[in-house]
Amino acid sequence: MKTYPLRKFVHRVLLVRLGLAAAVIAVVVGLITYHAQHLQFQREVADLERRGVLTILEKVRFVMERQLTAAVTALRDVLGHGDPPVVYRAGRFVYVQVYDRGSAVLADQAVSDQPGIDGVRAFMASRHFSFPGPGEDELLMTSIGDASFVFVSAAVADQTGNTAAFTRGMFAVSP
């Protein structure tokens, strides 16, 4: 067995231990940074989703005022154009449903060119209908296949501010 002088042995042991400590610290800092960035990304996507719902509701209010129609009729008109309801640089709505208090679907729209749209439809069908109050929403981040989505539910108010219907949708996050 080879022996080393004490000074050389201590020097090597210290270098190995310092190297391992530095590697462990780097991994821990990396994990903390990843987690913080992931949470920030989720908040940003949720805010974008909320803005998308508000954009749809603004379109509905505009149609209601212009055509003097009910909220549900205006929603059907807005969703009936065949275009994606809301598109942003960070993603787009790929499936939107409007339903009443009895959970009857009044209108829906799906984007046909979305990969995995059948999985999105299956996810929507598996979720219970929620009934948030006016100005409230419910958000859920999920993954279907390799794609990230945000599921949202919100109330739709009529001209008097009463809840006329509810909407829920899936927002596909751009990779």
C-alpha atoms as a PDB file:
ATOM      1  CA  MET A   1       0.000   0.000   0.000  1.00  0.00           C
ATOM      2  CA  LYS A   2       1.313   3.394  -0.970  1.00  0.00           C
ATOM      3  CA  THR A   3       1.657   6.001   1.741  1.00  0.00           C
ATOM      4  CA  TYR A   4       1.496   9.759   1.327  1.00  0.00           C
ATOM      5  CA  PRO A   5       3.001  12.479   3.450  1.00  0.00           C
ATOM      6  CA  LEU A   6       0.461  14.052   5.803  1.00  0.00           C
ATOM      7  CA  ARG A   7       0.451  17.379   3.995  1.00  0.00           C
ATOM      8  CA  LYS A   8      -0.275  15.778   0.589  1.00  0.00           C
ATOM      9  CA  PHE A   9      -2.989  13.512   2.065  1.00  0.00           C
ATOM     10  CA  VAL A  10      -4.797  16.406   3.781  1.00  0.00           C
ATOM     11  CA  HIS A  11      -4.524  18.501   0.627  1.00  0.00           C
ATOM     12  CA  ARG A  12      -6.139  15.771  -1.517  1.00  0.00           C
ATOM     13  CA  VAL A  13      -8.873  14.989   1.008  1.00  0.00           C
ATOM     14  CA  LEU A  14      -9.751  18.662   1.375  1.00  0.00           C
ATOM     15  CA  LEU A  15      -9.939  19.136  -2.393  1.00  0.00           C
ATOM     16  CA  VAL A  16     -12.243  16.135  -2.786  1.00  0.00           C
ATOM     17  CA  ARG A  17     -14.489  17.258   0.061  1.00  0.00           C
ATOM     18  CA  LEU A  18     -14.609  20.843  -1.197  1.00  0.00           C
ATOM     19  CA  GLY A  19     -15.422  19.596  -4.695  1.00  0.00           C
ATOM     20  CA  LEU A  20     -18.257  17.421  -3.406  1.00  0.00           C
ATOM     21  CA  ALA A  21     -19.623  20.241  -1.239  1.00  0.00           C
ATOM     22  CA  ALA A  22     -19.566  22.616  -4.212  1.00  0.00           C
ATOM     23  CA  ALA A  23     -21.403  20.067  -6.371  1.00  0.00           C
ATOM     24  CA  VAL A  24     -24.084  19.505  -3.706  1.00  0.00           C
ATOM     25  CA  ILE A  25     -24.559  23.258  -3.235  1.00  0.00           C
ATOM     26  CA  ALA A  26     -24.866  23.750  -7.005  1.00  0.00           C
ATOM     27  CA  VAL A  27     -27.516  21.030  -7.261  1.00  0.00           C
ATOM     28  CA  VAL A  28     -29.527  22.438  -4.350  1.00  0.00           C
ATOM     29  CA  VAL A  29     -29.384  25.988  -5.737  1.00  0.00           C
ATOM     30  CA  GLY A  30     -30.400  24.663  -9.155  1.00  0.00           C
ATOM     31  CA  LEU A  31     -33.410  22.827  -7.735  1.00  0.00           C
ATOM     32  CA  ILE A  32     -34.530  25.868  -5.750  1.00  0.00           C
ATOM     33  CA  THR A  33     -34.188  28.086  -8.822  1.00  0.00           C
ATOM     34  CA  TYR A  34     -36.099  25.603 -10.991  1.00  0.00           C
ATOM     35  CA  HIS A  35     -38.919  25.407  -8.441  1.00  0.00           C
ATOM     36  CA  ALA A  36     -39.129  29.210  -8.125  1.00  0.00           C
ATOM     37  CA  GLN A  37     -39.187  29.666 -11.913  1.00  0.00           C
ATOM     38  CA  HIS A  38     -41.807  26.940 -12.293  1.00  0.00           C
ATOM     39  CA  LEU A  39     -44.082  28.659  -9.756  1.00  0.00           C
ATOM     40  CA  GLN A  40     -43.583  32.003 -11.485  1.00  0.00           C
ATOM     41  CA  PHE A  41     -44.425  30.415 -14.844  1.00  0.00           C
ATOM     42  CA  GLN A  42     -47.610  28.903 -13.391  1.00  0.00           C
ATOM     43  CA  ARG A  43     -48.681  32.305 -12.028  1.00  0.00           C
ATOM     44  CA  GLU A  44     -48.005  33.996 -15.369  1.00  0.00           C
ATOM     45  CA  VAL A  45     -49.960  31.375 -17.306  1.00  0.00           C
ATOM     46  CA  ALA A  46     -52.834  31.600 -14.820  1.00  0.00           C
ATOM     47  CA  ASP A  47     -52.906  35.386 -15.252  1.00  0.00           C
ATOM     48  CA  LEU A  48     -52.873  34.967 -19.012  1.00  0.00           C
ATOM     49  CA  GLU A  49     -55.735  32.489 -18.729  1.00  0.00           C
ATOM     50  CA  ARG A  50     -57.736  34.965 -16.657  1.00  0.00           C
ATOM     51  CA  ARG A  51     -57.109  37.669 -19.252  1.00  0.00           C
ATOM     52  CA  GLY A  52     -58.280  35.261 -21.945  1.00  0.00           C
ATOM     53  CA  VAL A  53     -61.543  34.628 -20.118  1.00  0.00           C
ATOM     54  CA  LEU A  54     -62.002  38.364 -19.632  1.00  0.00           C
ATOM     55  CA  THR A  55     -61.362  38.885 -23.361  1.00  0.00           C
ATOM     56  CA  ILE A  56     -64.072  36.360 -24.226  1.00  0.00           C
ATOM     57  CA  LEU A  57     -66.455  38.018 -21.765  1.00  0.00           C
ATOM     58  CA  GLU A  58     -65.684  41.458 -23.225  1.00  0.00           C
ATOM     59  CA  LYS A  59     -66.490  40.138 -26.702  1.00  0.00           C
ATOM     60  CA  VAL A  60     -69.752  38.755 -25.321  1.00  0.00           C
ATOM     61  CA  ARG A  61     -70.638  42.084 -23.659  1.00  0.00           C
ATOM     62  CA  PHE A  62     -69.908  43.911 -26.911  1.00  0.00           C
ATOM     63  CA  VAL A  63     -72.203  41.565 -28.858  1.00  0.00           C
ATOM     64  CA  MET A  64     -74.880  41.875 -26.140  1.00  0.00           C
ATOM     65  CA  GLU A  65     -74.820  45.674 -26.353  1.00  0.00           C
ATOM     66  CA  ARG A  66     -74.588  45.834 -30.134  1.00  0.00           C
ATOM     67  CA  GLN A  67     -77.323  43.290 -30.864  1.00  0.00           C
ATOM     68  CA  LEU A  68     -79.326  43.722 -27.649  1.00  0.00           C
ATOM     69  CA  THR A  69     -79.298  39.982 -27.052  1.00  0.00           C
ATOM     70  CA  ALA A  70     -79.076  37.768 -24.002  1.00  0.00           C
ATOM     71  CA  ALA A  71     -75.719  36.618 -22.645  1.00  0.00           C
ATOM     72  CA  VAL A  72     -76.130  33.018 -23.796  1.00  0.00           C
ATOM     73  CA  THR A  73     -77.058  34.083 -27.332  1.00  0.00           C
ATOM     74  CA  ALA A  74     -74.064  36.411 -27.439  1.00  0.00           C
ATOM     75  CA  LEU A  75     -71.780  33.601 -26.215  1.00  0.00           C
ATOM     76  CA  ARG A  76     -73.050  31.294 -28.936  1.00  0.00           C
ATOM     77  CA  ASP A  77     -72.427  34.038 -31.473  1.00  0.00           C
ATOM     78  CA  VAL A  78     -68.863  34.697 -30.231  1.00  0.00           C
ATOM     79  CA  LEU A  79     -67.981  30.992 -30.141  1.00  0.00           C
ATOM     80  CA  GLY A  80     -69.765  30.239 -33.405  1.00  0.00           C
ATOM     81  CA  HIS A  81     -67.253  32.027 -35.628  1.00  0.00           C
ATOM     82  CA  GLY A  82     -64.959  28.982 -35.777  1.00  0.00           C
ATOM     83  CA  ASP A  83     -61.815  30.934 -34.897  1.00  0.00           C
ATOM     84  CA  PRO A  84     -59.914  30.134 -31.709  1.00  0.00           C
ATOM     85  CA  PRO A  85     -61.614  32.244 -29.042  1.00  0.00           C
ATOM     86  CA  VAL A  86     -58.380  33.771 -27.734  1.00  0.00           C
ATOM     87  CA  VAL A  87     -54.819  33.403 -29.020  1.00  0.00           C
ATOM     88  CA  TYR A  88     -51.730  34.741 -27.272  1.00  0.00           C
ATOM     89  CA  ARG A  89     -48.036  34.346 -27.921  1.00  0.00           C
ATOM     90  CA  ALA A  90     -47.832  32.070 -24.868  1.00  0.00           C
ATOM     91  CA  GLY A  91     -50.725  29.853 -25.966  1.00  0.00           C
ATOM     92  CA  ARG A  92     -54.372  29.725 -26.940  1.00  0.00           C
ATOM     93  CA  PHE A  93     -57.739  28.419 -25.878  1.00  0.00           C
ATOM     94  CA  VAL A  94     -58.312  25.092 -27.589  1.00  0.00           C
ATOM     95  CA  TYR A  95     -61.653  24.111 -26.083  1.00  0.00           C
ATOM     96  CA  VAL A  96     -64.377  26.273 -24.541  1.00  0.00           C
ATOM     97  CA  GLN A  97     -67.788  25.274 -23.158  1.00  0.00           C
ATOM     98  CA  VAL A  98     -70.670  27.391 -21.922  1.00  0.00           C
ATOM     99  CA  TYR A  99     -73.130  25.753 -19.549  1.00  0.00           C
ATOM    100  CA  ASP A 100     -76.025  26.646 -17.273  1.00  0.00           C
ATOM    101  CA  ARG A 101     -76.754  25.926 -13.602  1.00  0.00           C
ATOM    102  CA  GLY A 102     -78.220  22.565 -14.569  1.00  0.00           C
ATOM    103  CA  SER A 103     -74.882  21.536 -16.172  1.00  0.00           C
ATOM    104  CA  ALA A 104     -76.420  21.542 -19.650  1.00  0.00           C
ATOM    105  CA  VAL A 105     -73.878  22.592 -22.281  1.00  0.00           C
ATOM    106  CA  LEU A 106     -75.284  25.564 -24.175  1.00  0.00           C
ATOM    107  CA  ALA A 107     -72.390  26.132 -26.580  1.00  0.00           C
ATOM    108  CA  ASP A 108     -68.915  24.780 -27.147  1.00  0.00           C
ATOM    109  CA  GLN A 109     -66.015  25.249 -29.504  1.00  0.00           C
ATOM    110  CA  ALA A 110     -62.890  23.183 -30.091  1.00  0.00           C
ATOM    111  CA  VAL A 111     -59.867  23.986 -32.208  1.00  0.00           C
ATOM    112  CA  SER A 112     -59.475  21.140 -34.685  1.00  0.00           C
ATOM    113  CA  ASP A 113     -55.766  21.623 -35.408  1.00  0.00           C
ATOM    114  CA  GLN A 114     -54.683  21.085 -31.787  1.00  0.00           C
ATOM    115  CA  PRO A 115     -52.648  17.878 -31.359  1.00  0.00           C
ATOM    116  CA  GLY A 116     -54.291  15.639 -28.773  1.00  0.00           C
ATOM    117  CA  ILE A 117     -57.665  17.420 -28.862  1.00  0.00           C
ATOM    118  CA  ASP A 118     -59.363  14.099 -28.084  1.00  0.00           C
ATOM    119  CA  GLY A 119     -57.415  13.944 -24.814  1.00  0.00           C
ATOM    120  CA  VAL A 120     -58.519  17.506 -24.043  1.00  0.00           C
ATOM    121  CA  ARG A 121     -62.148  16.578 -24.711  1.00  0.00           C
ATOM    122  CA  ALA A 122     -61.809  13.504 -22.471  1.00  0.00           C
ATOM    123  CA  PHE A 123     -60.303  15.623 -19.695  1.00  0.00           C
ATOM    124  CA  MET A 124     -63.120  18.165 -19.959  1.00  0.00           C
ATOM    125  CA  ALA A 125     -65.715  15.393 -19.898  1.00  0.00           C
ATOM    126  CA  SER A 126     -64.145  13.917 -16.756  1.00  0.00           C
ATOM    127  CA  ARG A 127     -64.230  17.226 -14.837  1.00  0.00           C
ATOM    128  CA  HIS A 128     -67.312  18.175 -12.867  1.00  0.00           C
ATOM    129  CA  PHE A 129     -69.043  21.428 -13.719  1.00  0.00           C
ATOM    130  CA  SER A 130     -68.143  24.174 -11.263  1.00  0.00           C
ATOM    131  CA  PHE A 131     -70.171  27.257 -10.479  1.00  0.00           C
ATOM    132  CA  PRO A 132     -67.879  30.120  -9.423  1.00  0.00           C
ATOM    133  CA  GLY A 133     -69.396  33.428  -8.385  1.00  0.00           C
ATOM    134  CA  PRO A 134     -69.262  36.602 -10.471  1.00  0.00           C
ATOM    135  CA  GLY A 135     -65.693  37.850 -10.788  1.00  0.00           C
ATOM    136  CA  GLU A 136     -64.281  34.553  -9.503  1.00  0.00           C
ATOM    137  CA  ASP A 137     -62.536  31.813 -11.421  1.00  0.00           C
ATOM    138  CA  GLU A 138     -61.130  28.371 -10.812  1.00  0.00           C
ATOM    139  CA  LEU A 139     -57.792  27.343 -12.320  1.00  0.00           C
ATOM    140  CA  LEU A 140     -56.026  24.010 -12.622  1.00  0.00           C
ATOM    141  CA  MET A 141     -52.663  23.377 -14.297  1.00  0.00           C
ATOM    142  CA  THR A 142     -52.450  19.947 -15.961  1.00  0.00           C
ATOM    143  CA  SER A 143     -50.569  17.990 -18.591  1.00  0.00           C
ATOM    144  CA  ILE A 144     -52.138  15.842 -21.286  1.00  0.00           C
ATOM    145  CA  GLY A 145     -49.582  13.789 -23.112  1.00  0.00           C
ATOM    146  CA  ASP A 146     -46.541  16.018 -23.523  1.00  0.00           C
ATOM    147  CA  ALA A 147     -48.519  19.285 -23.619  1.00  0.00           C
ATOM    148  CA  SER A 148     -49.267  21.649 -20.737  1.00  0.00           C
ATOM    149  CA  PHE A 149     -52.758  23.060 -20.264  1.00  0.00           C
ATOM    150  CA  VAL A 150     -54.626  25.318 -17.885  1.00  0.00           C
ATOM    151  CA  PHE A 151     -58.252  24.464 -17.103  1.00  0.00           C
ATOM    152  CA  VAL A 152     -60.403  27.455 -16.112  1.00  0.00           C
ATOM    153  CA  SER A 153     -64.017  28.011 -15.054  1.00  0.00           C
ATOM    154  CA  ALA A 154     -65.702  31.414 -14.721  1.00  0.00           C
ATOM    155  CA  ALA A 155     -69.168  32.962 -14.440  1.00  0.00           C
ATOM    156  CA  VAL A 156     -70.747  34.942 -17.286  1.00  0.00           C
ATOM    157  CA  ALA A 157     -72.796  37.950 -16.184  1.00  0.00           C
ATOM    158  CA  ASP A 158     -75.658  39.536 -18.101  1.00  0.00           C
ATOM    159  CA  GLN A 159     -76.375  43.268 -18.463  1.00  0.00           C
ATOM    160  CA  THR A 160     -77.717  43.479 -14.902  1.00  0.00           C
ATOM    161  CA  GLY A 161     -74.651  41.796 -13.378  1.00  0.00           C
ATOM    162  CA  ASN A 162     -76.450  38.543 -12.559  1.00  0.00           C
ATOM    163  CA  THR A 163     -74.861  35.241 -13.491  1.00  0.00           C
ATOM    164  CA  ALA A 164     -76.415  34.113 -16.769  1.00  0.00           C
ATOM    165  CA  ALA A 165     -74.217  31.111 -17.485  1.00  0.00           C
ATOM    166  CA  PHE A 166     -70.788  29.655 -16.801  1.00  0.00           C
ATOM    167  CA  THR A 167     -67.846  29.008 -19.051  1.00  0.00           C
ATOM    168  CA  ARG A 168     -64.943  26.638 -18.812  1.00  0.00           C
ATOM    169  CA  GLY A 169     -62.077  26.051 -21.146  1.00  0.00           C
ATOM    170  CA  MET A 170     -58.675  24.564 -21.775  1.00  0.00           C
ATOM    171  CA  PHE A 171     -55.761  26.881 -22.542  1.00  0.00           C
ATOM    172  CA  ALA A 172     -52.856  25.177 -24.344  1.00  0.00           C
ATOM    173  CA  VAL A 173     -49.538  26.602 -23.231  1.00  0.00           C
ATOM    174  CA  SER A 174     -47.081  27.114 -26.077  1.00  0.00           C
ATOM    175  CA  PRO A 175     -43.887  25.067 -25.706  1.00  0.00           C
END
